[in-house]
Amino acid sequence: MLLVKKNISNISKILLVLGFGYFFWLMLKITFEYIPFRKDVSFLMIKQTEVIEKPEYLYFFYTHVYTSIFVLLSGFLAILRKDFGLKNFHKNAGKIYIFLILVFAAPSGIYMGIFANGGIYSKISFVILGCLWWFSTFKAYQLARQKKFKEHKQWMWRSFALTVSAITLRMWKVIIVYLFHPNPMDVYQIIAWMGWIPNIILIEYLITKKHL
């Protein structure tokens, strides 16, 4: 029985790594669309009002885009809790993840949330998401400093659940558009909330059930 459980656990980890690897590659392709630095590609095509009227918007946008891909990777490597034969690899990956979110990714995400598509409901959701992302990451940092590693691990999972909203938001968009063909602005209002609330609910359930 123990052998069966161990095999299931190993298979789950392999599937987790493969699944993340696939979606990370998709996110990397999206990031490559914004290299080199341009004002008229992909998402920015529908944000020309902000690009023209608010010169700082592009700086926040590219800060968010360029740091978030490293946040995704370092966060995933940190939650695996392995050193891969390298001294302090887990600790250093966690430091990179926390630093990038607290200083760059979350603040720029909050700013962008103020100008999100989909009206006031989308704006509220993205601003809340950015604030919770920053807070959960800072809480994980505090607990690590206090050597409360069990609580640190739980808050890191909360933070990472919000990090992967970049992926789940796009998954929900594909599903909703395919099934219901709603108005584009309605899609933004829905996925703005669906991108992160189910993630947090799942993590809270796993923490409550002591799986994390």
Protein backbone atom coordinates (compact mmCIF):
# COMPACT_ATOMS: atom_id res chain seq x y z
CA MET A 1 0.00 0.00 0.00
CA LEU A 2 2.81 2.41 0.88
CA LEU A 3 4.51 1.60 -2.42
CA VAL A 4 1.29 2.36 -4.30
CA LYS A 5 0.90 5.71 -2.51
CA LYS A 6 4.52 6.57 -3.25
CA ASN A 7 4.08 5.72 -6.94
CA ILE A 8 0.90 7.84 -7.11
CA SER A 9 2.74 10.72 -5.46
CA ASN A 10 5.63 10.44 -7.93
CA ILE A 11 3.24 10.32 -10.90
CA SER A 12 1.41 13.38 -9.56
CA LYS A 13 4.69 15.29 -9.30
CA ILE A 14 5.68 14.32 -12.83
CA LEU A 15 2.31 15.45 -14.17
CA LEU A 16 2.62 18.69 -12.20
CA VAL A 17 6.04 19.40 -13.71
CA LEU A 18 4.89 18.54 -17.24
CA GLY A 19 1.73 20.61 -16.88
CA PHE A 20 3.60 23.60 -15.56
CA GLY A 21 6.27 23.22 -18.25
CA TYR A 22 3.63 23.34 -20.99
CA PHE A 23 1.84 26.40 -19.65
CA PHE A 24 5.12 28.13 -18.83
CA TRP A 25 6.16 27.72 -22.46
CA LEU A 26 2.87 29.29 -23.58
CA MET A 27 3.46 32.24 -21.23
CA LEU A 28 7.04 32.54 -22.50
CA LYS A 29 5.74 32.77 -26.08
CA ILE A 30 3.44 35.60 -25.00
CA THR A 31 6.38 37.38 -23.36
CA PHE A 32 8.47 37.03 -26.55
CA GLU A 33 5.78 39.01 -28.40
CA TYR A 34 6.91 42.08 -26.47
CA ILE A 35 10.58 41.72 -27.39
CA PRO A 36 11.91 44.09 -28.60
CA PHE A 37 10.22 46.92 -26.74
CA ARG A 38 7.25 48.07 -28.89
CA LYS A 39 4.02 50.00 -28.38
CA ASP A 40 1.81 48.37 -31.01
CA VAL A 41 1.80 44.60 -30.47
CA SER A 42 -0.65 42.08 -29.02
CA PHE A 43 -2.41 43.33 -25.85
CA LEU A 44 -1.04 46.86 -26.32
CA MET A 45 -3.07 47.20 -29.52
CA ILE A 46 -6.21 47.62 -27.40
CA LYS A 47 -4.48 49.83 -24.83
CA GLN A 48 -3.47 52.70 -27.12
CA THR A 49 -5.42 55.24 -25.06
CA GLU A 50 -3.26 54.48 -22.02
CA VAL A 51 -0.09 54.22 -24.14
CA ILE A 52 -0.67 57.67 -25.67
CA GLU A 53 -2.18 59.53 -22.71
CA LYS A 54 -0.16 58.00 -19.87
CA PRO A 55 3.55 57.72 -20.74
CA GLU A 56 4.27 55.81 -17.52
CA TYR A 57 1.84 53.03 -18.49
CA LEU A 58 4.36 51.36 -20.79
CA TYR A 59 7.01 51.30 -18.07
CA PHE A 60 4.64 49.60 -15.64
CA PHE A 61 3.38 47.24 -18.35
CA TYR A 62 6.83 46.06 -19.44
CA THR A 63 8.03 45.85 -15.84
CA HIS A 64 5.10 43.52 -15.16
CA VAL A 65 5.54 41.44 -18.30
CA TYR A 66 9.30 40.99 -18.08
CA THR A 67 9.41 40.20 -14.35
CA SER A 68 6.32 37.97 -14.18
CA ILE A 69 7.84 35.24 -16.35
CA PHE A 70 10.75 34.95 -13.89
CA VAL A 71 8.28 35.06 -10.99
CA LEU A 72 6.45 32.06 -12.45
CA LEU A 73 9.63 30.04 -12.89
CA SER A 74 11.30 30.91 -9.57
CA GLY A 75 8.03 30.39 -7.69
CA PHE A 76 7.52 26.95 -9.16
CA LEU A 77 11.10 25.93 -8.41
CA ALA A 78 10.71 27.24 -4.84
CA ILE A 79 7.50 25.32 -4.08
CA LEU A 80 9.09 22.07 -5.29
CA ARG A 81 11.28 22.42 -2.17
CA LYS A 82 14.27 20.73 -3.79
CA ASP A 83 17.87 21.89 -4.12
CA PHE A 84 18.65 19.76 -7.22
CA GLY A 85 22.15 19.17 -5.89
CA LEU A 86 22.85 22.90 -5.61
CA LYS A 87 23.50 24.51 -2.25
CA ASN A 88 20.56 26.64 -1.01
CA PHE A 89 18.80 26.42 -4.40
CA HIS A 90 15.32 26.36 -2.84
CA LYS A 91 16.15 29.30 -0.57
CA ASN A 92 17.63 31.38 -3.37
CA ALA A 93 14.75 30.64 -5.75
CA GLY A 94 12.38 31.78 -3.02
CA LYS A 95 14.35 34.98 -2.48
CA ILE A 96 14.19 35.82 -6.20
CA TYR A 97 10.47 35.07 -6.28
CA ILE A 98 9.69 37.24 -3.25
CA PHE A 99 11.92 40.13 -4.34
CA LEU A 100 10.48 40.30 -7.86
CA ILE A 101 6.89 40.27 -6.62
CA LEU A 102 7.28 42.78 -3.79
CA VAL A 103 9.38 45.29 -5.72
CA PHE A 104 8.27 44.92 -9.34
CA ALA A 105 5.51 42.50 -10.38
CA ALA A 106 2.78 43.20 -7.80
CA PRO A 107 3.11 47.03 -7.70
CA SER A 108 3.10 47.22 -11.51
CA GLY A 109 0.17 44.79 -11.62
CA ILE A 110 -1.84 46.96 -9.22
CA TYR A 111 -1.17 50.03 -11.37
CA MET A 112 -2.26 48.18 -14.52
CA GLY A 113 -5.36 46.93 -12.72
CA ILE A 114 -6.57 50.52 -12.37
CA PHE A 115 -6.78 50.67 -16.18
CA ALA A 116 -8.02 47.12 -16.80
CA ASN A 117 -10.49 46.40 -19.59
CA GLY A 118 -14.04 45.43 -18.66
CA GLY A 119 -15.08 48.38 -16.53
CA ILE A 120 -15.16 48.93 -12.80
CA TYR A 121 -15.71 45.29 -11.83
CA SER A 122 -12.60 44.16 -13.69
CA LYS A 123 -10.57 47.03 -12.23
CA ILE A 124 -11.65 46.15 -8.68
CA SER A 125 -10.76 42.49 -9.19
CA PHE A 126 -7.28 43.11 -10.59
CA VAL A 127 -6.45 45.68 -7.91
CA ILE A 128 -7.59 43.26 -5.18
CA LEU A 129 -5.58 40.48 -6.85
CA GLY A 130 -2.45 42.64 -6.91
CA CYS A 131 -2.85 43.65 -3.27
CA LEU A 132 -3.46 40.08 -2.10
CA TRP A 133 -0.52 38.90 -4.19
CA TRP A 134 1.78 41.43 -2.54
CA PHE A 135 0.43 40.76 0.96
CA SER A 136 0.59 36.94 0.77
CA THR A 137 4.15 37.11 -0.55
CA PHE A 138 5.22 39.57 2.14
CA LYS A 139 3.59 37.35 4.79
CA ALA A 140 5.55 34.36 3.47
CA TYR A 141 8.73 36.43 3.67
CA GLN A 142 7.99 37.51 7.26
CA LEU A 143 7.32 33.95 8.39
CA ALA A 144 10.52 32.68 6.79
CA ARG A 145 12.46 35.37 8.64
CA GLN A 146 10.78 34.21 11.86
CA LYS A 147 11.67 30.58 10.99
CA LYS A 148 7.99 29.57 11.08
CA PHE A 149 8.48 27.35 8.08
CA LYS A 150 5.14 25.50 8.14
CA GLU A 151 3.20 28.77 7.99
CA HIS A 152 5.72 30.13 5.49
CA LYS A 153 5.05 27.20 3.18
CA GLN A 154 1.28 27.75 3.37
CA TRP A 155 1.57 31.44 2.56
CA MET A 156 3.93 30.69 -0.30
CA TRP A 157 1.29 28.39 -1.75
CA ARG A 158 -1.29 31.17 -1.39
CA SER A 159 1.06 33.55 -3.14
CA PHE A 160 1.80 31.07 -5.93
CA ALA A 161 -1.92 30.39 -6.40
CA LEU A 162 -2.26 34.08 -7.21
CA THR A 163 0.84 33.99 -9.39
CA VAL A 164 -0.60 31.28 -11.63
CA SER A 165 -3.72 33.39 -12.13
CA ALA A 166 -1.79 34.60 -15.20
CA ILE A 167 -2.26 31.08 -16.55
CA THR A 168 -5.71 30.19 -15.19
CA LEU A 169 -7.14 33.52 -16.40
CA ARG A 170 -6.22 32.60 -19.96
CA MET A 171 -7.54 29.07 -19.54
CA TRP A 172 -10.91 30.37 -18.39
CA LYS A 173 -10.97 32.83 -21.27
CA VAL A 174 -10.57 30.03 -23.82
CA ILE A 175 -13.24 27.89 -22.12
CA ILE A 176 -15.79 30.71 -21.74
CA VAL A 177 -15.35 32.04 -25.28
CA TYR A 178 -15.56 28.52 -26.75
CA LEU A 179 -18.71 27.58 -24.82
CA PHE A 180 -20.68 30.82 -24.61
CA HIS A 181 -19.29 33.36 -27.15
CA PRO A 182 -19.96 36.34 -24.88
CA ASN A 183 -19.24 40.00 -25.56
CA PRO A 184 -15.47 40.68 -25.22
CA MET A 185 -15.98 43.15 -22.36
CA ASP A 186 -18.17 40.62 -20.53
CA VAL A 187 -15.35 38.09 -20.88
CA TYR A 188 -12.94 40.46 -19.12
CA GLN A 189 -15.36 40.96 -16.24
CA ILE A 190 -15.76 37.21 -15.76
CA ILE A 191 -12.15 36.10 -16.10
CA ALA A 192 -10.94 38.98 -13.93
CA TRP A 193 -12.50 37.10 -10.98
CA MET A 194 -12.35 33.52 -12.26
CA GLY A 195 -8.62 33.82 -12.86
CA TRP A 196 -7.76 33.85 -9.16
CA ILE A 197 -10.71 33.11 -6.85
CA PRO A 198 -10.95 29.35 -7.67
CA ASN A 199 -7.16 29.12 -7.17
CA ILE A 200 -7.37 30.55 -3.66
CA ILE A 201 -10.38 28.41 -2.76
CA LEU A 202 -8.48 25.28 -3.83
CA ILE A 203 -5.39 26.23 -1.83
CA GLU A 204 -7.42 27.06 1.26
CA TYR A 205 -9.17 23.68 0.97
CA LEU A 206 -5.82 21.86 0.70
CA ILE A 207 -4.43 23.79 3.69
CA THR A 208 -7.54 23.08 5.75
CA LYS A 209 -7.29 19.37 4.92
CA LYS A 210 -3.58 19.49 5.88
CA HIS A 211 -2.41 18.50 2.40
CA LEU A 212 -0.10 21.53 2.35
